């Protein structure tokens, strides 16, 4: 709950200082899903293409998964915050802590690289 409050405050806060998104800024590791999702949303909004590694569990079976692929979409709503990872043509939805509707609950997201 505390992280959700933090994420909402972070997203609505006025930006005072930032660094431009550039392919040279990566890799970046995110252990807090919402911060990684913010970064992915910004990357996609600039027309860039992020390649990501995730570690987590399948939501339905709780089996561990480590996968990598291209992020093709970010979804944000009151109930759902996730991204879609394309792994050689197979698309998985990736959520954060306590994911329920996604394919995977990720505890680690690494943006490996970004291309134009």
N, C-alpha and C. Protein backbone atom coordinates (compact mmCIF):
# COMPACT_ATOMS: atom_id res chain seq x y z
N UNK A 1 0.82 -1.20 0.00
CA UNK A 1 0.00 0.00 0.00
C UNK A 1 0.86 1.26 0.00
N UNK A 2 1.90 1.24 0.84
CA UNK A 2 2.79 2.40 0.91
C UNK A 2 3.44 2.68 -0.45
N UNK A 3 3.87 1.61 -1.14
CA UNK A 3 4.49 1.81 -2.45
C UNK A 3 3.49 2.38 -3.45
N UNK A 4 2.23 1.97 -3.37
CA UNK A 4 1.22 2.52 -4.27
C UNK A 4 1.04 4.01 -4.05
N UNK A 5 1.03 4.42 -2.78
CA UNK A 5 0.91 5.85 -2.47
C UNK A 5 2.12 6.61 -3.02
N UNK A 6 3.31 6.04 -2.82
CA UNK A 6 4.54 6.66 -3.32
C UNK A 6 4.49 6.81 -4.84
N UNK A 7 4.11 5.73 -5.55
CA UNK A 7 4.06 5.77 -7.01
C UNK A 7 3.10 6.84 -7.51
N UNK A 8 1.93 6.92 -6.88
CA UNK A 8 0.95 7.92 -7.32
C UNK A 8 1.49 9.33 -7.10
N UNK A 9 2.10 9.57 -5.95
CA UNK A 9 2.68 10.88 -5.67
C UNK A 9 3.81 11.18 -6.65
N UNK A 10 4.63 10.20 -6.95
CA UNK A 10 5.76 10.37 -7.86
C UNK A 10 5.27 10.77 -9.25
N UNK A 11 4.25 10.05 -9.74
CA UNK A 11 3.75 10.30 -11.10
C UNK A 11 3.09 11.66 -11.25
N UNK A 12 2.49 12.17 -10.17
CA UNK A 12 1.77 13.44 -10.27
C UNK A 12 2.61 14.63 -9.82
N UNK A 13 3.81 14.37 -9.32
CA UNK A 13 4.67 15.45 -8.83
C UNK A 13 5.26 16.25 -10.00
N UNK A 14 5.59 17.49 -9.72
CA UNK A 14 6.25 18.34 -10.72
C UNK A 14 7.71 17.91 -10.85
N UNK A 15 8.15 17.73 -12.08
CA UNK A 15 9.53 17.33 -12.32
C UNK A 15 10.44 18.55 -12.21
N UNK A 16 11.40 18.47 -11.31
CA UNK A 16 12.32 19.59 -11.10
C UNK A 16 13.66 19.37 -11.79
N UNK A 17 14.09 18.14 -11.85
CA UNK A 17 15.36 17.82 -12.51
C UNK A 17 15.23 16.45 -13.14
N UNK A 18 15.81 16.29 -14.31
CA UNK A 18 15.76 14.98 -14.97
C UNK A 18 16.93 14.88 -15.94
N UNK A 19 17.15 13.69 -16.38
CA UNK A 19 18.16 13.42 -17.38
C UNK A 19 17.45 12.94 -18.62
N UNK A 20 17.89 13.35 -19.79
CA UNK A 20 17.21 12.92 -21.01
C UNK A 20 17.33 11.41 -21.20
N UNK A 21 16.26 10.82 -21.72
CA UNK A 21 16.30 9.40 -22.04
C UNK A 21 17.23 9.21 -23.23
N UNK A 22 18.15 8.29 -23.10
CA UNK A 22 19.03 7.99 -24.22
C UNK A 22 19.49 6.55 -24.11
N UNK A 23 19.81 5.92 -25.23
CA UNK A 23 20.27 4.54 -25.19
C UNK A 23 21.49 4.32 -24.30
N UNK A 24 22.29 5.36 -24.08
CA UNK A 24 23.50 5.24 -23.26
C UNK A 24 23.18 5.13 -21.76
N UNK A 25 21.95 5.38 -21.37
CA UNK A 25 21.55 5.37 -19.96
C UNK A 25 21.30 3.97 -19.40
N UNK A 26 21.42 2.96 -20.22
CA UNK A 26 21.04 1.60 -19.82
C UNK A 26 22.23 0.67 -19.87
N UNK A 27 22.20 -0.37 -19.02
CA UNK A 27 21.08 -0.99 -18.32
C UNK A 27 20.72 -0.29 -17.01
N UNK A 28 19.44 -0.49 -16.61
CA UNK A 28 18.93 -0.01 -15.32
C UNK A 28 18.13 -1.14 -14.68
N UNK A 29 18.31 -1.30 -13.38
CA UNK A 29 17.63 -2.35 -12.62
C UNK A 29 16.54 -1.72 -11.76
N UNK A 30 15.35 -2.32 -11.80
CA UNK A 30 14.22 -1.85 -10.98
C UNK A 30 13.71 -3.00 -10.12
N UNK A 31 13.76 -2.81 -8.81
CA UNK A 31 13.18 -3.78 -7.88
C UNK A 31 11.79 -3.33 -7.44
N UNK A 32 11.45 -2.09 -7.72
CA UNK A 32 10.12 -1.55 -7.44
C UNK A 32 9.42 -1.40 -8.79
N UNK A 33 8.41 -2.23 -9.02
CA UNK A 33 7.79 -2.35 -10.34
C UNK A 33 7.28 -1.02 -10.89
N UNK A 34 6.63 -0.23 -10.07
CA UNK A 34 6.04 1.02 -10.55
C UNK A 34 7.05 1.98 -11.13
N UNK A 35 8.23 2.05 -10.54
CA UNK A 35 9.27 2.94 -11.06
C UNK A 35 9.76 2.44 -12.43
N UNK A 36 9.89 1.14 -12.56
CA UNK A 36 10.27 0.57 -13.86
C UNK A 36 9.20 0.82 -14.91
N UNK A 37 7.93 0.69 -14.49
CA UNK A 37 6.83 0.94 -15.42
C UNK A 37 6.81 2.39 -15.88
N UNK A 38 7.08 3.32 -14.97
CA UNK A 38 7.19 4.74 -15.35
C UNK A 38 8.26 4.93 -16.42
N UNK A 39 9.41 4.32 -16.20
CA UNK A 39 10.52 4.45 -17.16
C UNK A 39 10.14 3.85 -18.51
N UNK A 40 9.51 2.68 -18.50
CA UNK A 40 9.10 2.04 -19.76
C UNK A 40 8.08 2.90 -20.50
N UNK A 41 7.15 3.47 -19.77
CA UNK A 41 6.14 4.34 -20.39
C UNK A 41 6.81 5.55 -21.04
N UNK A 42 7.78 6.14 -20.37
CA UNK A 42 8.52 7.28 -20.94
C UNK A 42 9.30 6.88 -22.18
N UNK A 43 9.95 5.73 -22.12
CA UNK A 43 10.74 5.24 -23.26
C UNK A 43 9.84 5.07 -24.49
N UNK A 44 8.72 4.37 -24.31
CA UNK A 44 7.81 4.13 -25.43
C UNK A 44 7.22 5.43 -25.96
N UNK A 45 6.95 6.39 -25.08
CA UNK A 45 6.37 7.67 -25.52
C UNK A 45 7.34 8.47 -26.39
N UNK A 46 8.63 8.18 -26.28
CA UNK A 46 9.64 8.86 -27.09
C UNK A 46 9.92 8.12 -28.40
N UNK A 47 9.16 7.04 -28.65
CA UNK A 47 9.36 6.27 -29.88
C UNK A 47 10.55 5.33 -29.82
N UNK A 48 11.06 5.09 -28.62
CA UNK A 48 12.19 4.17 -28.44
C UNK A 48 11.67 2.78 -28.11
N UNK A 49 12.54 1.78 -28.27
CA UNK A 49 12.15 0.39 -28.09
C UNK A 49 13.02 -0.24 -26.99
N UNK A 50 12.42 -0.60 -25.82
CA UNK A 50 13.20 -1.17 -24.73
C UNK A 50 13.26 -2.71 -24.76
N UNK A 51 14.45 -3.23 -24.49
CA UNK A 51 14.67 -4.67 -24.34
C UNK A 51 14.85 -4.94 -22.85
N UNK A 52 14.03 -5.84 -22.31
CA UNK A 52 13.92 -6.01 -20.87
C UNK A 52 14.10 -7.46 -20.45
N UNK A 53 14.74 -7.65 -19.29
CA UNK A 53 14.80 -8.95 -18.62
C UNK A 53 13.93 -8.86 -17.38
N UNK A 54 13.17 -9.92 -17.11
CA UNK A 54 12.36 -9.94 -15.89
C UNK A 54 12.66 -11.23 -15.12
N UNK A 55 12.44 -11.14 -13.81
CA UNK A 55 12.45 -12.32 -12.95
C UNK A 55 11.18 -12.27 -12.13
N UNK A 56 10.53 -13.43 -11.97
CA UNK A 56 9.30 -13.46 -11.20
C UNK A 56 8.69 -14.83 -11.18
N UNK A 57 7.35 -14.86 -11.09
CA UNK A 57 6.59 -16.10 -11.03
C UNK A 57 5.40 -15.99 -11.95
N UNK A 58 5.00 -17.14 -12.53
CA UNK A 58 3.73 -17.18 -13.24
C UNK A 58 2.62 -17.02 -12.21
N UNK A 59 1.65 -16.17 -12.50
CA UNK A 59 0.59 -15.86 -11.54
C UNK A 59 -0.23 -17.10 -11.19
N UNK A 60 -0.61 -17.89 -12.18
CA UNK A 60 -1.49 -19.04 -11.94
C UNK A 60 -0.80 -20.21 -11.26
N UNK A 61 0.44 -20.49 -11.62
CA UNK A 61 1.10 -21.70 -11.11
C UNK A 61 2.15 -21.43 -10.04
N UNK A 62 2.58 -20.16 -9.91
CA UNK A 62 3.66 -19.76 -9.00
C UNK A 62 5.01 -20.36 -9.39
N UNK A 63 5.13 -20.91 -10.60
CA UNK A 63 6.42 -21.40 -11.08
C UNK A 63 7.31 -20.21 -11.40
N UNK A 64 8.61 -20.31 -11.08
CA UNK A 64 9.51 -19.20 -11.37
C UNK A 64 9.74 -19.02 -12.87
N UNK A 65 10.01 -17.79 -13.25
CA UNK A 65 10.32 -17.48 -14.65
C UNK A 65 11.39 -16.40 -14.69
N UNK A 66 12.32 -16.57 -15.60
CA UNK A 66 13.28 -15.53 -15.97
C UNK A 66 13.19 -15.45 -17.48
N UNK A 67 12.87 -14.28 -18.00
CA UNK A 67 12.66 -14.14 -19.44
C UNK A 67 13.16 -12.78 -19.90
N UNK A 68 13.30 -12.66 -21.21
CA UNK A 68 13.74 -11.39 -21.79
C UNK A 68 13.08 -11.20 -23.15
N UNK A 69 12.84 -9.95 -23.48
CA UNK A 69 12.21 -9.64 -24.75
C UNK A 69 11.99 -8.14 -24.88
N UNK A 70 11.25 -7.77 -25.92
CA UNK A 70 10.97 -6.37 -26.21
C UNK A 70 9.64 -5.96 -25.59
N UNK A 71 9.62 -4.82 -24.94
CA UNK A 71 8.37 -4.28 -24.39
C UNK A 71 7.61 -3.62 -25.53
N UNK A 72 6.35 -4.03 -25.72
CA UNK A 72 5.56 -3.51 -26.84
C UNK A 72 4.39 -2.65 -26.39
N UNK A 73 4.07 -2.68 -25.08
CA UNK A 73 2.92 -1.90 -24.61
C UNK A 73 3.01 -1.71 -23.10
N UNK A 74 2.47 -0.59 -22.62
CA UNK A 74 2.31 -0.33 -21.19
C UNK A 74 0.85 0.01 -20.97
N UNK A 75 0.24 -0.61 -19.96
CA UNK A 75 -1.15 -0.32 -19.61
C UNK A 75 -1.21 0.22 -18.20
N UNK A 76 -1.97 1.31 -18.04
CA UNK A 76 -2.18 1.92 -16.72
C UNK A 76 -3.65 2.26 -16.57
N UNK A 77 -4.23 1.82 -15.46
CA UNK A 77 -5.59 2.21 -15.11
C UNK A 77 -5.68 2.17 -13.59
N UNK A 78 -6.86 2.39 -13.05
CA UNK A 78 -7.02 2.31 -11.60
C UNK A 78 -6.72 0.91 -11.07
N UNK A 79 -7.06 -0.11 -11.87
CA UNK A 79 -6.94 -1.49 -11.41
C UNK A 79 -5.76 -2.25 -11.99
N UNK A 80 -5.27 -1.82 -13.15
CA UNK A 80 -4.25 -2.60 -13.86
C UNK A 80 -3.07 -1.72 -14.23
N UNK A 81 -1.88 -2.18 -13.86
CA UNK A 81 -0.63 -1.53 -14.25
C UNK A 81 0.32 -2.63 -14.70
N UNK A 82 0.58 -2.69 -16.00
CA UNK A 82 1.44 -3.76 -16.49
C UNK A 82 2.09 -3.35 -17.81
N UNK A 83 2.96 -4.23 -18.28
CA UNK A 83 3.50 -4.06 -19.63
C UNK A 83 3.47 -5.40 -20.33
N UNK A 84 3.51 -5.34 -21.66
CA UNK A 84 3.51 -6.55 -22.47
C UNK A 84 4.91 -6.79 -22.99
N UNK A 85 5.40 -8.00 -22.74
CA UNK A 85 6.74 -8.40 -23.16
C UNK A 85 6.61 -9.39 -24.31
N UNK A 86 7.23 -9.07 -25.44
CA UNK A 86 7.24 -9.96 -26.61
C UNK A 86 8.51 -10.79 -26.57
N UNK A 87 8.33 -12.08 -26.33
CA UNK A 87 9.46 -13.01 -26.24
C UNK A 87 9.41 -13.91 -27.47
N UNK A 88 10.14 -13.54 -28.50
CA UNK A 88 10.17 -14.29 -29.76
C UNK A 88 8.77 -14.61 -30.27
N UNK A 89 7.88 -13.62 -30.26
CA UNK A 89 6.53 -13.80 -30.78
C UNK A 89 5.49 -14.18 -29.74
N UNK A 90 5.91 -14.67 -28.59
CA UNK A 90 4.97 -14.98 -27.50
C UNK A 90 4.85 -13.75 -26.61
N UNK A 91 3.62 -13.30 -26.40
CA UNK A 91 3.41 -12.09 -25.60
C UNK A 91 2.92 -12.46 -24.20
N UNK A 92 3.61 -11.92 -23.18
CA UNK A 92 3.22 -12.12 -21.79
C UNK A 92 2.95 -10.76 -21.16
N UNK A 93 1.91 -10.69 -20.34
CA UNK A 93 1.68 -9.47 -19.57
C UNK A 93 2.44 -9.60 -18.25
N UNK A 94 3.13 -8.52 -17.89
CA UNK A 94 3.99 -8.51 -16.71
C UNK A 94 3.45 -7.49 -15.73
N UNK A 95 3.15 -7.96 -14.52
CA UNK A 95 2.69 -7.07 -13.45
C UNK A 95 3.69 -7.08 -12.31
N UNK A 96 3.42 -6.28 -11.32
CA UNK A 96 4.30 -6.19 -10.16
C UNK A 96 3.77 -6.97 -8.98
N UNK A 97 4.18 -6.57 -7.79
CA UNK A 97 3.79 -7.23 -6.55
C UNK A 97 2.28 -7.44 -6.48
N UNK A 98 1.87 -8.66 -6.17
CA UNK A 98 0.47 -9.02 -6.00
C UNK A 98 -0.32 -8.97 -7.31
N UNK A 99 0.36 -9.23 -8.43
CA UNK A 99 -0.32 -9.27 -9.73
C UNK A 99 -1.40 -10.36 -9.71
N UNK A 100 -2.52 -10.08 -10.34
CA UNK A 100 -3.61 -11.04 -10.38
C UNK A 100 -4.08 -11.34 -11.80
N UNK A 101 -4.17 -10.32 -12.65
CA UNK A 101 -4.71 -10.52 -13.99
C UNK A 101 -3.61 -10.73 -15.03
N UNK A 102 -2.37 -10.49 -14.66
CA UNK A 102 -1.25 -10.63 -15.59
C UNK A 102 -0.79 -12.09 -15.66
N UNK A 103 0.04 -12.37 -16.66
CA UNK A 103 0.64 -13.71 -16.77
C UNK A 103 1.73 -13.91 -15.73
N UNK A 104 2.49 -12.85 -15.45
CA UNK A 104 3.67 -12.95 -14.59
C UNK A 104 3.65 -11.85 -13.53
N UNK A 105 4.04 -12.21 -12.31
CA UNK A 105 4.30 -11.24 -11.24
C UNK A 105 5.81 -11.08 -11.16
N UNK A 106 6.31 -9.93 -11.55
CA UNK A 106 7.76 -9.70 -11.59
C UNK A 106 8.24 -9.04 -10.31
N UNK A 107 9.35 -9.54 -9.78
CA UNK A 107 9.98 -8.89 -8.63
C UNK A 107 11.24 -8.14 -9.04
N UNK A 108 11.67 -8.33 -10.29
CA UNK A 108 12.85 -7.63 -10.80
C UNK A 108 12.65 -7.35 -12.29
N UNK A 109 12.89 -6.11 -12.67
CA UNK A 109 12.81 -5.69 -14.07
C UNK A 109 14.12 -4.99 -14.41
N UNK A 110 14.78 -5.46 -15.45
CA UNK A 110 16.03 -4.85 -15.89
C UNK A 110 15.84 -4.35 -17.33
N UNK A 111 15.94 -3.04 -17.51
CA UNK A 111 15.92 -2.50 -18.87
C UNK A 111 17.36 -2.62 -19.36
N UNK A 112 17.59 -3.60 -20.21
CA UNK A 112 18.94 -3.92 -20.69
C UNK A 112 19.47 -2.88 -21.67
N UNK A 113 18.61 -2.56 -22.63
CA UNK A 113 19.03 -1.60 -23.66
C UNK A 113 17.80 -0.99 -24.31
N UNK A 114 18.04 0.09 -25.00
CA UNK A 114 16.98 0.81 -25.70
C UNK A 114 17.50 1.15 -27.09
N UNK A 115 16.67 0.91 -28.10
CA UNK A 115 17.06 1.26 -29.46
C UNK A 115 16.03 2.21 -30.06
N UNK A 116 16.45 2.90 -31.12
CA UNK A 116 15.55 3.83 -31.81
C UNK A 116 14.72 3.10 -32.82
